Amino acid sequence: MKKLLALLLCCASLSALANGRCLPPNKVDGPDCQPPKQEVVVLMYHRITTADPPSSMVTSPRMFNAHLDAIKSAGYNTITVSDLGAYMRGERLLPPRAIVLTFDDGWRDAASAASNLSDRGMVGTFFLISNAFTDPNYVNKDEARQIAQKHEIGAHTHTHFMEFFPSKMDQIDDRIMLGEIAMSKAIIEGVIGKPVTSFAWPFSYYRDRLNTIVSGMGLTSVVQVNNDSANTVGQDPMSIHRLTVNGGCTPAQLLSMIEQRKYMECK
């Protein structure tokens, strides 16, 4: 019986390898084969609304839904930032044509965006500002908990560094940044009742020297913005690049941007 089981496992592994797939990794042996590394595009949305014209910060609900339908029809499979980080560390495998959809700031329309994703069997990662739960322009605690039921929620600092202009980010002391990150993570975890393991730098700002300290907080995946390069192969999971989605992009233009892995300014 043991010989038969071993033979079946061997055949399954060979078949998986031949088809570019592997059996799921485990804690002892890891994956049973090493498939080619996937290049995974990570997209960044902000507001999904008609309150302002389409831009790099605004996408209309109608266009957003068209984007989702195009992504799904093109055969892409959505994963979370934490899924991608685990893959980059060799801890898990990914579905074919994996893609990550992220949403920054936690604007009030994030709740409807999450619902639209769920309706299509898709997932996203929503980065929330932890002191904004009482602001009517942002998701409240109940909405955050609802989003967390089917999607990943990550930290996005406590105040979004509102007291600083982006041009003065270099003036912020490391201790202030680390405090903002730690506070954001702790408050959001208390709200949603789940661990927060991913973080997004605000204003596309980033400090490499804080990686070790941030990882010590229990964060395992960190995203930033790099509109010139979205190739995740060889990247550090603590420095994942993202492409900004311009709300003026048609579904066809969005798919072109994904394939080219480079930002497109659509008008």
Protein backbone atom coordinates (compact mmCIF):
# COMPACT_ATOMS: atom_id res chain seq x y z
CA MET A 1 0.00 0.00 0.00
CA LYS A 2 2.83 2.38 0.92
CA LYS A 3 4.59 1.65 -2.38
CA LEU A 4 1.41 2.37 -4.30
CA LEU A 5 0.90 5.67 -2.46
CA ALA A 6 4.51 6.70 -3.12
CA LEU A 7 4.10 5.84 -6.81
CA LEU A 8 0.92 7.92 -7.05
CA LEU A 9 2.60 10.89 -5.37
CA CYS A 10 5.58 10.59 -7.68
CA CYS A 11 3.34 10.53 -10.75
CA ALA A 12 1.38 13.50 -9.45
CA SER A 13 4.57 15.49 -8.93
CA LEU A 14 5.88 14.67 -12.40
CA SER A 15 2.52 15.54 -13.94
CA ALA A 16 2.39 18.82 -12.03
CA LEU A 17 5.91 19.71 -13.12
CA ALA A 18 5.15 18.86 -16.74
CA ASN A 19 2.14 21.13 -16.66
CA GLY A 20 4.01 24.02 -15.00
CA ARG A 21 2.32 23.39 -11.65
CA CYS A 22 3.51 22.05 -8.31
CA LEU A 23 1.89 20.32 -5.41
CA PRO A 24 1.22 22.68 -2.51
CA PRO A 25 4.30 23.35 -0.35
CA ASN A 26 4.45 22.11 3.23
CA LYS A 27 6.41 23.16 6.29
CA VAL A 28 8.86 20.25 6.06
CA ASP A 29 9.70 19.86 2.38
CA GLY A 30 8.45 23.06 0.76
CA PRO A 31 7.16 22.79 -2.82
CA ASP A 32 7.86 19.57 -4.71
CA CYS A 33 9.05 21.45 -7.81
CA GLN A 34 10.08 24.96 -8.78
CA PRO A 35 7.85 26.45 -11.50
CA PRO A 36 8.97 29.51 -13.46
CA LYS A 37 8.66 32.68 -11.41
CA GLN A 38 5.51 34.64 -12.13
CA GLU A 39 5.61 38.34 -12.83
CA VAL A 40 2.68 39.67 -10.84
CA VAL A 41 1.31 43.14 -11.50
CA VAL A 42 0.05 45.07 -8.48
CA LEU A 43 -2.47 47.82 -9.25
CA MET A 44 -3.33 50.79 -7.03
CA TYR A 45 -6.73 52.46 -6.89
CA HIS A 46 -7.84 55.26 -4.58
CA ARG A 47 -11.36 56.70 -4.83
CA ILE A 48 -14.19 55.01 -6.74
CA THR A 49 -16.59 57.90 -7.20
CA THR A 50 -18.27 60.33 -9.58
CA ALA A 51 -17.68 63.27 -7.22
CA ASP A 52 -14.58 64.32 -9.18
CA PRO A 53 -13.35 63.84 -12.76
CA PRO A 54 -11.33 60.69 -13.55
CA SER A 55 -7.65 60.97 -12.62
CA SER A 56 -4.84 58.99 -11.01
CA MET A 57 -6.83 59.33 -7.77
CA VAL A 58 -10.39 58.86 -9.05
CA THR A 59 -12.17 56.14 -11.02
CA SER A 60 -15.91 56.20 -11.62
CA PRO A 61 -17.92 53.21 -10.32
CA ARG A 62 -19.04 52.37 -13.86
CA MET A 63 -15.47 52.35 -15.17
CA PHE A 64 -14.24 50.44 -12.13
CA ASN A 65 -16.77 47.68 -12.74
CA ALA A 66 -15.74 47.60 -16.39
CA HIS A 67 -12.11 47.23 -15.26
CA LEU A 68 -13.03 44.30 -13.02
CA ASP A 69 -14.96 42.57 -15.79
CA ALA A 70 -12.06 43.03 -18.21
CA ILE A 71 -9.53 41.66 -15.72
CA LYS A 72 -11.71 38.64 -15.03
CA SER A 73 -12.49 38.02 -18.72
CA ALA A 74 -8.77 38.15 -19.54
CA GLY A 75 -8.22 35.19 -17.23
CA TYR A 76 -6.49 36.98 -14.37
CA ASN A 77 -6.87 35.61 -10.86
CA THR A 78 -6.83 38.11 -8.01
CA ILE A 79 -4.73 37.49 -4.91
CA THR A 80 -3.90 39.66 -1.89
CA VAL A 81 -0.68 41.50 -1.08
CA SER A 82 0.01 38.98 1.67
CA ASP A 83 -0.47 36.13 -0.82
CA LEU A 84 2.09 37.75 -3.10
CA GLY A 85 4.52 38.32 -0.25
CA ALA A 86 4.28 34.66 0.77
CA TYR A 87 4.90 33.61 -2.83
CA MET A 88 7.95 35.86 -3.07
CA ARG A 89 9.32 34.23 0.08
CA GLY A 90 8.75 30.76 -1.39
CA GLU A 91 6.02 29.90 1.10
CA ARG A 92 3.14 29.30 -1.31
CA LEU A 93 2.19 28.87 -4.94
CA LEU A 94 0.02 31.17 -7.02
CA PRO A 95 -2.79 30.57 -9.49
CA PRO A 96 -1.97 31.26 -13.15
CA ARG A 97 -2.09 34.90 -14.27
CA ALA A 98 -2.17 36.21 -10.71
CA ILE A 99 -2.81 39.92 -10.18
CA VAL A 100 -3.17 42.13 -7.08
CA LEU A 101 -5.70 44.96 -6.72
CA THR A 102 -4.98 47.44 -3.91
CA PHE A 103 -7.01 50.38 -2.61
CA ASP A 104 -5.39 53.18 -0.61
CA ASP A 105 -6.74 55.40 2.17
CA GLY A 106 -10.03 53.64 2.91
CA TRP A 107 -12.36 56.18 1.29
CA ARG A 108 -16.04 55.58 2.01
CA ASP A 109 -16.57 54.07 -1.44
CA ALA A 110 -14.09 51.30 -0.56
CA ALA A 111 -17.01 49.38 0.94
CA SER A 112 -18.89 49.31 -2.37
CA ALA A 113 -15.67 48.51 -4.25
CA ALA A 114 -15.14 45.52 -1.96
CA SER A 115 -18.72 44.40 -2.61
CA ASN A 116 -18.21 44.65 -6.38
CA LEU A 117 -15.10 42.51 -6.06
CA SER A 118 -16.91 39.91 -3.95
CA ASP A 119 -19.77 39.71 -6.43
CA ARG A 120 -17.24 38.56 -9.04
CA GLY A 121 -15.38 36.16 -6.78
CA MET A 122 -12.40 38.52 -6.68
CA VAL A 123 -10.31 39.75 -3.75
CA GLY A 124 -8.46 42.97 -2.99
CA THR A 125 -6.22 44.53 -0.36
CA PHE A 126 -7.51 47.70 1.30
CA PHE A 127 -5.02 49.94 3.11
CA LEU A 128 -6.74 51.99 5.82
CA ILE A 129 -5.77 55.11 7.77
CA SER A 130 -6.44 54.20 11.39
CA ASN A 131 -7.56 57.61 12.67
CA ALA A 132 -10.14 58.07 9.89
CA PHE A 133 -12.86 55.70 11.14
CA THR A 134 -14.92 58.59 12.51
CA ASP A 135 -14.49 60.73 9.38
CA PRO A 136 -17.63 60.52 7.18
CA ASN A 137 -15.44 60.55 4.06
CA TYR A 138 -13.86 57.23 5.02
CA VAL A 139 -15.05 53.74 5.93
CA ASN A 140 -16.20 53.35 9.52
CA LYS A 141 -15.37 50.46 11.83
CA ASP A 142 -18.41 48.39 10.86
CA GLU A 143 -17.60 48.78 7.17
CA ALA A 144 -13.96 47.86 7.82
CA ARG A 145 -15.06 44.68 9.56
CA GLN A 146 -17.38 43.87 6.67
CA ILE A 147 -14.59 44.36 4.12
CA ALA A 148 -12.26 42.18 6.21
CA GLN A 149 -14.63 39.22 5.94
CA LYS A 150 -13.63 38.56 2.32
CA HIS A 151 -10.65 40.81 1.62
CA GLU A 152 -7.32 41.74 3.13
CA ILE A 153 -6.97 44.92 5.15
CA GLY A 154 -3.56 46.48 5.57
CA ALA A 155 -2.14 49.44 7.47
CA HIS A 156 -1.57 52.87 5.89
CA THR A 157 -0.25 54.82 8.93
CA HIS A 158 -2.33 56.50 11.62
CA THR A 159 -2.60 60.03 10.20
CA HIS A 160 -1.30 59.56 6.64
CA PHE A 161 1.33 62.11 7.72
CA MET A 162 -1.30 64.82 7.24
CA GLU A 163 0.79 67.31 9.18
CA PHE A 164 3.50 67.14 6.49
CA PHE A 165 3.43 67.99 2.81
CA PRO A 166 4.76 65.25 0.54
CA SER A 167 7.68 67.49 -0.38
CA LYS A 168 8.76 67.55 3.27
CA MET A 169 8.61 63.81 3.96
CA ASP A 170 12.38 63.69 4.38
CA GLN A 171 11.99 65.85 7.49
CA ILE A 172 9.96 63.25 9.39
CA ASP A 173 11.94 61.48 12.10
CA ASP A 174 12.19 57.69 11.72
CA ARG A 175 10.64 57.29 15.18
CA ILE A 176 7.53 59.20 14.12
CA MET A 177 7.14 57.02 11.03
CA LEU A 178 7.59 53.82 13.01
CA GLY A 179 5.10 55.01 15.62
CA GLU A 180 2.57 55.82 12.90
CA ILE A 181 3.00 52.37 11.37
CA ALA A 182 2.80 50.50 14.68
CA MET A 183 -0.24 52.49 15.85
CA SER A 184 -2.03 51.94 12.54
CA LYS A 185 -1.44 48.21 12.65
CA ALA A 186 -2.53 47.84 16.28
CA ILE A 187 -5.70 49.95 15.96
CA ILE A 188 -6.86 48.24 12.76
CA GLU A 189 -6.24 44.80 14.26
CA GLY A 190 -8.41 45.79 17.21
CA VAL A 191 -11.16 46.89 14.85
CA ILE A 192 -11.26 43.92 12.47
CA GLY A 193 -10.15 41.21 14.91
CA LYS A 194 -7.53 39.87 12.50
CA PRO A 195 -3.75 40.23 12.15
CA VAL A 196 -2.57 43.02 9.84
CA THR A 197 0.51 41.83 7.97
CA SER A 198 0.79 44.27 5.04
CA PHE A 199 1.56 47.98 4.91
CA ALA A 200 1.45 50.69 2.22
CA TRP A 201 3.64 53.77 2.35
CA PRO A 202 1.65 57.02 1.86
CA PHE A 203 2.55 59.54 -0.85
CA SER A 204 4.64 56.84 -2.60
CA TYR A 205 7.30 57.54 0.01
CA TYR A 206 9.64 54.81 1.20
CA ARG A 207 12.59 54.25 3.54
CA ASP A 208 14.64 51.08 3.01
CA ARG A 209 16.43 51.43 6.33
CA LEU A 210 13.21 50.79 8.26
CA ASN A 211 12.60 47.36 6.69
CA THR A 212 14.11 45.32 9.51
CA ILE A 213 12.24 47.21 12.22
CA VAL A 214 8.95 47.07 10.32
CA SER A 215 9.28 43.33 9.79
CA GLY A 216 9.83 43.00 13.54
CA MET A 217 6.37 44.51 14.04
CA GLY A 218 4.82 41.50 12.33
CA LEU A 219 4.49 43.09 8.89
CA THR A 220 5.55 40.68 6.17
CA SER A 221 4.66 42.61 2.99
CA VAL A 222 5.19 46.29 2.20
CA VAL A 223 4.08 48.09 -0.95
CA GLN A 224 5.18 51.34 -2.52
CA VAL A 225 4.67 52.91 -5.97
CA ASN A 226 6.93 52.54 -8.98
CA ASN A 227 5.10 53.33 -12.19
CA ASP A 228 8.14 52.51 -14.33
CA SER A 229 8.62 48.95 -13.16
CA ALA A 230 6.02 46.48 -11.95
CA ASN A 231 8.12 43.32 -12.32
CA THR A 232 7.89 41.45 -9.01
CA VAL A 233 10.45 38.79 -10.01
CA GLY A 234 13.50 39.26 -7.83
CA GLN A 235 11.87 41.96 -5.71
CA ASP A 236 11.90 42.11 -1.93
CA PRO A 237 8.43 41.41 -0.43
CA MET A 238 9.12 44.40 1.82
CA SER A 239 9.41 46.65 -1.22
CA ILE A 240 6.70 45.58 -3.68
CA HIS A 241 6.13 47.90 -6.62
CA ARG A 242 2.66 49.02 -7.69
CA LEU A 243 1.21 50.68 -10.79
CA THR A 244 -1.22 53.58 -10.38
CA VAL A 245 -4.53 53.09 -12.19
CA ASN A 246 -5.68 56.21 -14.00
CA GLY A 247 -9.47 56.45 -13.90
CA GLY A 248 -9.50 57.68 -17.49
CA CYS A 249 -8.21 54.34 -18.78
CA THR A 250 -10.67 52.20 -20.72
CA PRO A 251 -10.72 48.47 -19.97
CA ALA A 252 -8.64 47.83 -23.10
CA GLN A 253 -6.06 50.41 -22.03
CA LEU A 254 -5.94 48.94 -18.55
CA LEU A 255 -5.24 45.46 -19.93
CA SER A 256 -2.52 46.93 -22.14
CA MET A 257 -0.96 48.60 -19.12
CA ILE A 258 -1.04 45.32 -17.20
CA GLU A 259 0.64 43.44 -20.05
CA GLN A 260 3.29 46.14 -20.50
CA ARG A 261 3.75 46.46 -16.73
CA LYS A 262 4.06 50.23 -16.99
CA TYR A 263 1.85 53.16 -16.00
CA MET A 264 -0.41 54.60 -18.66
CA GLU A 265 -1.78 58.14 -18.40
CA CYS A 266 -5.15 57.86 -20.10
CA LYS A 267 -7.17 60.93 -21.02
